[in-house]
Protein backbone atom coordinates (compact mmCIF):
# COMPACT_ATOMS: atom_id res chain seq x y z
CA MET A 1 -50.39 -25.65 153.48
CA THR A 2 -47.35 -23.53 154.33
CA ARG A 3 -47.07 -20.96 151.54
CA LEU A 4 -44.28 -18.42 151.15
CA VAL A 5 -43.91 -15.34 148.97
CA GLN A 6 -41.03 -13.02 148.16
CA LEU A 7 -41.72 -9.28 148.20
CA LYS A 8 -39.91 -6.10 147.30
CA ASN A 9 -40.46 -2.44 148.17
CA GLY A 10 -37.87 -0.26 146.46
CA ASN A 11 -34.53 -1.76 147.41
CA VAL A 12 -35.93 -3.66 150.39
CA ARG A 13 -36.69 -7.37 150.04
CA CYS A 14 -38.62 -9.59 152.41
CA VAL A 15 -40.14 -13.07 152.73
CA GLY A 16 -43.77 -13.41 153.74
CA LEU A 17 -45.83 -16.29 155.14
CA VAL A 18 -49.31 -16.47 153.62
CA ASP A 19 -51.86 -16.36 156.44
CA GLU A 20 -55.09 -15.52 154.59
CA PRO A 21 -56.29 -12.86 154.31
CA ASN A 22 -52.86 -11.47 155.18
CA VAL A 23 -49.17 -12.02 154.50
CA ARG A 24 -47.01 -12.01 157.63
CA PHE A 25 -43.43 -10.78 157.32
CA LEU A 26 -40.49 -12.95 158.37
CA GLN A 27 -37.91 -11.09 160.45
CA ASP A 28 -34.29 -10.79 159.32
CA CYS A 29 -34.91 -12.73 156.10
CA SER A 30 -34.62 -11.13 152.67
CA SER A 31 -35.04 -14.23 150.46
CA ILE A 32 -36.27 -17.80 150.42
CA TYR A 33 -32.78 -18.73 149.24
CA GLU A 34 -31.39 -17.33 152.49
CA LEU A 35 -34.05 -19.22 154.45
CA ALA A 36 -33.16 -22.51 152.72
CA GLN A 37 -29.45 -22.02 153.35
CA ALA A 38 -30.17 -21.39 157.04
CA ALA A 39 -32.12 -24.65 157.22
CA LEU A 40 -29.32 -26.59 155.51
CA ASP A 41 -26.61 -25.08 157.71
CA SER A 42 -28.54 -25.73 160.93
CA GLY A 43 -29.76 -29.20 160.01
CA LYS A 44 -33.34 -28.12 160.76
CA LYS A 45 -36.49 -28.42 158.70
CA LEU A 46 -37.38 -25.38 156.62
CA SER A 47 -40.70 -25.14 158.49
CA GLU A 48 -38.86 -24.88 161.83
CA VAL A 49 -36.59 -22.09 160.59
CA LEU A 50 -39.34 -20.03 158.97
CA HIS A 51 -41.83 -20.25 161.84
CA ALA A 52 -39.14 -19.04 164.24
CA LYS A 53 -38.82 -15.91 162.09
CA VAL A 54 -42.50 -15.00 161.73
CA GLY A 55 -43.11 -11.57 163.19
CA GLY A 56 -46.18 -9.51 164.00
CA GLU A 57 -46.11 -7.20 160.95
CA ALA A 58 -48.54 -8.13 158.17
CA ILE A 59 -50.09 -6.70 155.00
CA GLU A 60 -53.34 -7.42 153.17
CA TYR A 61 -52.82 -10.15 150.61
CA ASP A 62 -55.62 -8.98 148.29
CA ALA A 63 -53.94 -5.61 147.76
CA LEU A 64 -50.55 -7.24 147.24
CA TYR A 65 -51.94 -9.80 144.78
CA ALA A 66 -53.82 -7.13 142.82
CA GLY A 67 -50.77 -4.85 142.59
CA ARG A 68 -52.30 -2.12 144.80
CA SER A 69 -49.66 -2.36 147.55
CA GLU A 70 -46.39 -0.45 147.81
CA TRP A 71 -44.88 -3.94 148.03
CA ARG A 72 -44.76 -6.07 144.88
CA LEU A 73 -44.49 -9.81 144.49
CA LEU A 74 -41.30 -11.38 143.13
CA PRO A 75 -40.99 -14.94 141.80
CA PRO A 76 -41.13 -17.24 144.84
CA ILE A 77 -37.50 -18.28 144.30
CA ASP A 78 -34.41 -16.69 142.81
CA HIS A 79 -30.70 -16.46 143.44
CA PRO A 80 -30.66 -12.98 145.01
CA ASP A 81 -27.00 -12.29 144.20
CA GLU A 82 -26.41 -13.99 140.84
CA PRO A 83 -29.44 -14.67 138.58
CA ALA A 84 -27.25 -16.83 136.32
CA ARG A 85 -26.89 -19.31 139.20
CA CYS A 86 -30.60 -20.14 138.98
CA LEU A 87 -31.01 -22.86 136.33
CA LEU A 88 -34.40 -23.23 134.61
CA SER A 89 -35.10 -26.67 133.11
CA GLY A 90 -37.88 -29.16 132.56
CA THR A 91 -38.95 -32.67 131.76
CA GLY A 92 -41.21 -33.38 128.79
CA LEU A 93 -43.41 -36.28 127.72
CA THR A 94 -44.27 -37.08 131.32
CA HIS A 95 -48.07 -37.00 130.80
CA LEU A 96 -50.21 -38.97 128.36
CA GLY A 97 -51.67 -35.83 126.82
CA SER A 98 -48.27 -34.29 126.16
CA ALA A 99 -47.21 -37.40 124.25
CA ARG A 100 -50.43 -37.38 122.23
CA ASP A 101 -50.01 -33.70 121.31
CA ARG A 102 -46.36 -34.20 120.37
CA GLN A 103 -47.18 -37.32 118.31
CA SER A 104 -49.75 -35.40 116.28
CA MET A 105 -47.39 -32.43 115.98
CA HIS A 106 -44.55 -34.45 114.47
CA ALA A 107 -46.27 -37.44 112.85
CA GLY A 108 -45.64 -37.99 109.16
CA THR A 109 -47.56 -40.06 106.64
CA THR A 110 -46.22 -43.40 107.82
CA ALA A 111 -47.55 -45.57 110.61
CA ASP A 112 -44.19 -45.47 112.39
CA LEU A 113 -44.04 -44.08 115.90
CA THR A 114 -42.39 -40.68 116.20
CA ASP A 115 -39.33 -40.34 118.42
CA SER A 116 -41.60 -38.51 120.86
CA MET A 117 -43.96 -41.46 121.23
CA LYS A 118 -41.01 -43.86 121.50
CA ILE A 119 -39.49 -42.00 124.44
CA PHE A 120 -42.92 -41.73 126.04
CA ARG A 121 -43.33 -45.51 125.82
CA TRP A 122 -39.88 -45.97 127.36
CA GLY A 123 -41.18 -43.88 130.26
CA LEU A 124 -44.26 -46.09 130.61
CA GLU A 125 -42.04 -49.16 130.71
CA GLY A 126 -39.21 -47.90 132.93
CA GLY A 127 -40.02 -44.49 134.37
CA ARG A 128 -41.17 -45.70 137.78
CA PRO A 129 -38.34 -47.89 139.11
CA ALA A 130 -38.10 -49.37 142.60
CA PRO A 131 -36.81 -46.89 145.24
CA VAL A 132 -33.20 -48.12 145.03
CA SER A 133 -33.16 -48.51 141.24
CA ILE A 134 -32.49 -46.18 138.30
CA GLY A 135 -35.20 -45.97 135.67
CA THR A 136 -35.42 -44.77 132.09
CA SER A 137 -34.23 -41.22 131.47
CA PRO A 138 -37.03 -38.77 130.61
CA GLU A 139 -36.76 -36.07 127.99
CA TRP A 140 -34.89 -33.09 129.47
CA PHE A 141 -34.62 -29.50 128.27
CA HIS A 142 -32.93 -26.26 129.30
CA LYS A 143 -35.00 -23.06 129.55
CA GLY A 144 -32.38 -20.55 130.59
CA THR A 145 -31.31 -18.86 133.80
CA GLY A 146 -33.02 -16.78 136.46
CA SER A 147 -33.01 -13.72 134.20
CA ALA A 148 -35.83 -15.40 132.20
CA LEU A 149 -38.03 -15.98 135.27
CA ARG A 150 -41.07 -13.72 135.70
CA ALA A 151 -43.42 -13.04 138.62
CA LEU A 152 -47.19 -12.74 138.89
CA GLY A 153 -48.49 -10.07 136.51
CA GLU A 154 -45.29 -9.65 134.53
CA PRO A 155 -45.55 -10.23 130.76
CA LEU A 156 -44.24 -13.33 129.04
CA ASP A 157 -42.62 -12.36 125.76
CA ILE A 158 -43.02 -13.59 122.19
CA PRO A 159 -39.74 -12.27 120.71
CA ASN A 160 -39.60 -10.76 117.24
CA HIS A 161 -37.77 -13.86 115.97
CA ALA A 162 -40.39 -16.26 117.39
CA GLU A 163 -43.21 -17.87 115.44
CA ASP A 164 -45.58 -18.27 118.36
CA GLY A 165 -45.90 -18.38 122.12
CA GLY A 166 -48.09 -20.61 124.22
CA GLU A 167 -48.81 -21.36 127.87
CA GLU A 168 -47.72 -24.61 129.51
CA ALA A 169 -49.50 -25.09 132.83
CA GLU A 170 -47.17 -27.04 135.11
CA ILE A 171 -45.94 -27.64 138.64
CA ALA A 172 -42.25 -26.91 139.19
CA GLY A 173 -39.88 -28.31 141.78
CA ILE A 174 -37.67 -25.76 143.55
CA TYR A 175 -34.20 -26.85 144.72
CA VAL A 176 -31.04 -25.48 146.25
CA ILE A 177 -27.66 -27.23 146.27
CA ALA A 178 -26.12 -27.58 149.73
CA ARG A 179 -22.50 -26.73 150.46
CA ASP A 180 -21.58 -30.42 150.17
CA GLY A 181 -23.18 -30.72 146.70
CA ARG A 182 -26.36 -32.40 147.94
CA PRO A 183 -29.59 -31.33 146.15
CA ALA A 184 -32.34 -30.26 148.54
CA ARG A 185 -35.96 -29.74 147.51
CA ILE A 186 -37.32 -26.54 149.07
CA GLY A 187 -40.88 -26.90 147.81
CA MET A 188 -43.03 -26.62 144.70
CA ALA A 189 -44.89 -23.88 142.87
CA VAL A 190 -47.35 -23.48 140.03
CA GLY A 191 -45.66 -22.36 136.82
CA ASN A 192 -46.13 -21.34 133.20
CA GLU A 193 -43.40 -22.98 131.12
CA PHE A 194 -44.04 -20.68 128.15
CA SER A 195 -42.79 -22.06 124.78
CA ASP A 196 -42.89 -21.57 120.99
CA HIS A 197 -44.94 -24.56 119.82
CA GLN A 198 -45.27 -23.40 116.22
CA PHE A 199 -41.48 -23.35 115.84
CA GLU A 200 -41.17 -26.78 117.47
CA LYS A 201 -43.87 -28.18 115.17
CA LYS A 202 -41.63 -27.60 112.14
CA ASN A 203 -39.18 -30.21 113.40
CA TYR A 204 -38.73 -31.76 116.84
CA LEU A 205 -35.02 -30.89 116.68
CA TYR A 206 -36.16 -27.28 117.15
CA LEU A 207 -37.57 -28.15 120.59
CA ALA A 208 -34.40 -26.99 122.38
CA ALA A 209 -34.59 -23.52 120.84
CA SER A 210 -38.38 -23.31 121.29
CA LYS A 211 -37.89 -23.56 125.07
CA LEU A 212 -35.55 -20.55 125.34
CA ARG A 213 -38.28 -18.14 126.37
CA THR A 214 -39.39 -16.26 129.45
CA CYS A 215 -41.47 -18.27 131.93
CA ALA A 216 -43.35 -17.56 135.13
CA LEU A 217 -43.58 -19.03 138.60
CA GLY A 218 -45.74 -18.41 141.62
CA PRO A 219 -46.98 -16.35 143.22
CA GLU A 220 -46.35 -18.77 146.11
CA LEU A 221 -43.86 -21.44 147.09
CA VAL A 222 -45.61 -24.33 148.84
CA VAL A 223 -43.32 -25.96 151.39
CA ASP A 224 -45.54 -28.86 152.52
CA TYR A 225 -46.95 -29.60 149.05
CA LYS A 226 -48.98 -32.60 147.90
CA PHE A 227 -47.88 -34.01 144.54
CA GLY A 228 -49.93 -37.18 144.18
CA SER A 229 -52.76 -36.01 141.92
CA VAL A 230 -53.13 -32.25 141.56
CA PRO A 231 -56.10 -30.67 139.73
CA VAL A 232 -54.91 -27.86 137.42
CA THR A 233 -56.93 -25.42 135.32
CA ALA A 234 -55.41 -23.34 132.51
CA THR A 235 -57.40 -20.38 131.14
CA ILE A 236 -56.84 -17.84 128.37
CA VAL A 237 -58.66 -14.52 128.68
CA ARG A 238 -58.93 -12.16 125.71
CA ASP A 239 -60.54 -8.72 125.94
CA GLY A 240 -61.98 -9.57 129.34
CA LYS A 241 -63.68 -12.78 128.21
CA THR A 242 -62.64 -16.41 128.56
CA LEU A 243 -61.33 -17.59 125.18
CA TRP A 244 -60.27 -21.08 126.26
CA SER A 245 -60.12 -23.10 129.46
CA LYS A 246 -59.28 -26.70 130.32
CA SER A 247 -58.65 -28.75 133.43
CA PHE A 248 -56.38 -31.73 133.92
CA ARG A 249 -54.44 -33.49 136.65
CA THR A 250 -50.72 -33.54 137.25
CA GLY A 251 -48.60 -35.19 139.91
CA GLU A 252 -46.90 -38.54 140.38
CA ARG A 253 -50.04 -40.62 139.94
CA GLU A 254 -50.74 -38.91 136.62
CA MET A 255 -47.24 -39.32 135.17
CA CYS A 256 -45.20 -42.13 133.66
CA HIS A 257 -42.08 -41.05 135.58
CA SER A 258 -41.77 -40.95 139.36
CA LEU A 259 -40.52 -37.79 141.03
CA GLN A 260 -37.48 -39.74 142.27
CA ASN A 261 -36.62 -40.80 138.72
CA ILE A 262 -37.00 -37.29 137.31
CA GLU A 263 -34.83 -35.83 140.07
CA HIS A 264 -32.15 -38.51 139.70
CA HIS A 265 -31.78 -37.90 135.98
CA HIS A 266 -31.55 -34.15 136.50
CA PHE A 267 -29.06 -34.17 139.35
CA LYS A 268 -26.91 -37.06 138.07
CA PHE A 269 -24.95 -34.44 136.12
CA GLU A 270 -22.13 -33.01 138.22
CA ALA A 271 -22.72 -29.55 136.77
CA HIS A 272 -26.20 -29.64 138.32
CA ARG A 273 -24.80 -30.16 141.82
CA ARG A 274 -22.73 -27.00 142.19
CA PRO A 275 -22.96 -25.78 145.81
CA GLY A 276 -25.11 -22.68 146.19
CA ASP A 277 -26.99 -22.99 142.90
CA VAL A 278 -30.78 -22.81 142.60
CA HIS A 279 -32.78 -25.09 140.28
CA VAL A 280 -36.32 -24.65 138.96
CA HIS A 281 -37.51 -27.80 137.19
CA PHE A 282 -40.86 -27.98 135.38
CA PHE A 283 -42.55 -31.40 135.51
CA GLY A 284 -44.68 -31.23 132.35
CA THR A 285 -48.31 -30.70 131.38
CA ASP A 286 -51.28 -32.62 130.01
CA CYS A 287 -52.96 -29.91 127.92
CA LEU A 288 -52.06 -26.94 125.73
CA SER A 289 -54.30 -24.32 124.17
CA PHE A 290 -52.07 -24.73 121.10
CA GLY A 291 -53.40 -28.29 120.79
CA ASP A 292 -56.87 -26.77 120.32
CA GLN A 293 -55.59 -24.40 117.59
CA VAL A 294 -55.53 -21.35 119.87
CA ARG A 295 -52.93 -18.76 118.85
CA LEU A 296 -52.14 -16.31 121.63
CA GLN A 297 -52.16 -12.59 120.89
CA ASP A 298 -50.65 -9.50 122.46
CA GLY A 299 -52.53 -8.68 125.66
CA ASP A 300 -54.03 -12.13 126.24
CA ILE A 301 -54.02 -13.15 129.90
CA MET A 302 -52.82 -16.64 130.81
CA GLU A 303 -54.10 -17.94 134.16
CA ILE A 304 -52.93 -21.17 135.79
CA ALA A 305 -54.50 -22.46 138.99
CA ALA A 306 -53.43 -25.62 140.83
CA GLU A 307 -55.41 -26.92 143.78
CA GLY A 308 -53.38 -26.66 146.98
CA TYR A 309 -50.76 -24.37 145.44
CA GLY A 310 -52.11 -20.99 146.51
CA ARG A 311 -53.54 -18.23 144.39
CA PRO A 312 -53.54 -18.51 140.57
CA LEU A 313 -50.62 -17.36 138.45
CA ARG A 314 -51.60 -14.71 135.89
CA ASN A 315 -49.39 -13.24 133.17
CA PRO A 316 -50.14 -11.24 130.04
CA VAL A 317 -48.70 -12.07 126.63
CA ARG A 318 -46.44 -9.42 125.14
CA VAL A 319 -45.54 -9.61 121.46
CA ASP A 320 -42.40 -7.86 120.25
CA LYS A 321 -43.46 -6.34 116.93
CA SER A 322 -40.13 -4.70 116.13
CA PRO A 323 -38.31 -5.79 112.94
CA ASN A 324 -36.24 -8.95 113.24
CA ALA A 325 -32.79 -7.62 112.40
CA VAL A 326 -29.58 -9.62 111.95
CA ILE A 327 -27.43 -9.81 115.07
CA GLN A 328 -23.98 -8.54 114.17
CA VAL A 329 -21.02 -10.16 115.88
CA THR A 330 -17.93 -8.01 116.41
CA SER A 331 -14.62 -9.65 115.57
CA LEU A 332 -11.70 -9.06 117.92
CA TRP A 333 -9.18 -10.36 115.39
């Protein structure tokens, strides 16, 4: 597969093509965003544009991945000029396991279906429409902007106001909006859509706030991805030992919504088609360590590996233990 990384050395940025065991630098290209815009403007495929820029200079990928290089890995997509123009979002209740976990999280003492299970069933019934039809809308949530996006090795934060933090092993679609407002999919990447499940468990109306956390992506953007049925393994390491690990499958064949339907319901909003914006959209997961009563601690390492999506994504958990003080708002009256 064609796999791209973004690198930085001091104030110098570069895009690299993964060519194991090396990463080959692209010439005259400081970001994947720039590369995507060049493809859109020229009417060429991204693969054509990037291969024309591959130069002879290369570095060892092992050293880069392990943090031993003078270069460091960035998230495999960002808006290099304005982080706020990178929108982070996601679709929930796309996998059977996610619906089961949510049902048990919010079920009461009655036999009635929770709202979570109802919307999941709507997806089963209408989430895979014919190519020219519009299907049932999936659950959608906002995670923040590019300032909340972290790279390989960077910590994901449990804020002092949070009740918990937990990994969500997912694949994310990466998009840029063309100058004419047309959404274009650049590729896909493995991601950790980190969330506060304990807060959400109190009441499903807290889900929106539980998603406003840092998240991670990468280390690689896969241009010629396969998204039919992707094996994924999520692992939690504590004090150098595996605390928890599970495997599942994601992708269109494992979901109740088609990729086309998810993308339609995200980009149907005019505000999501602003020329020049970047979108990172998480497609959901089928297992959570939280569902097995695992509570993450400061220093735990979350690892997410997806077959065909490059090297695993690893991030430590960082807990903010400072006092949770009241935020004072200044009046200009």
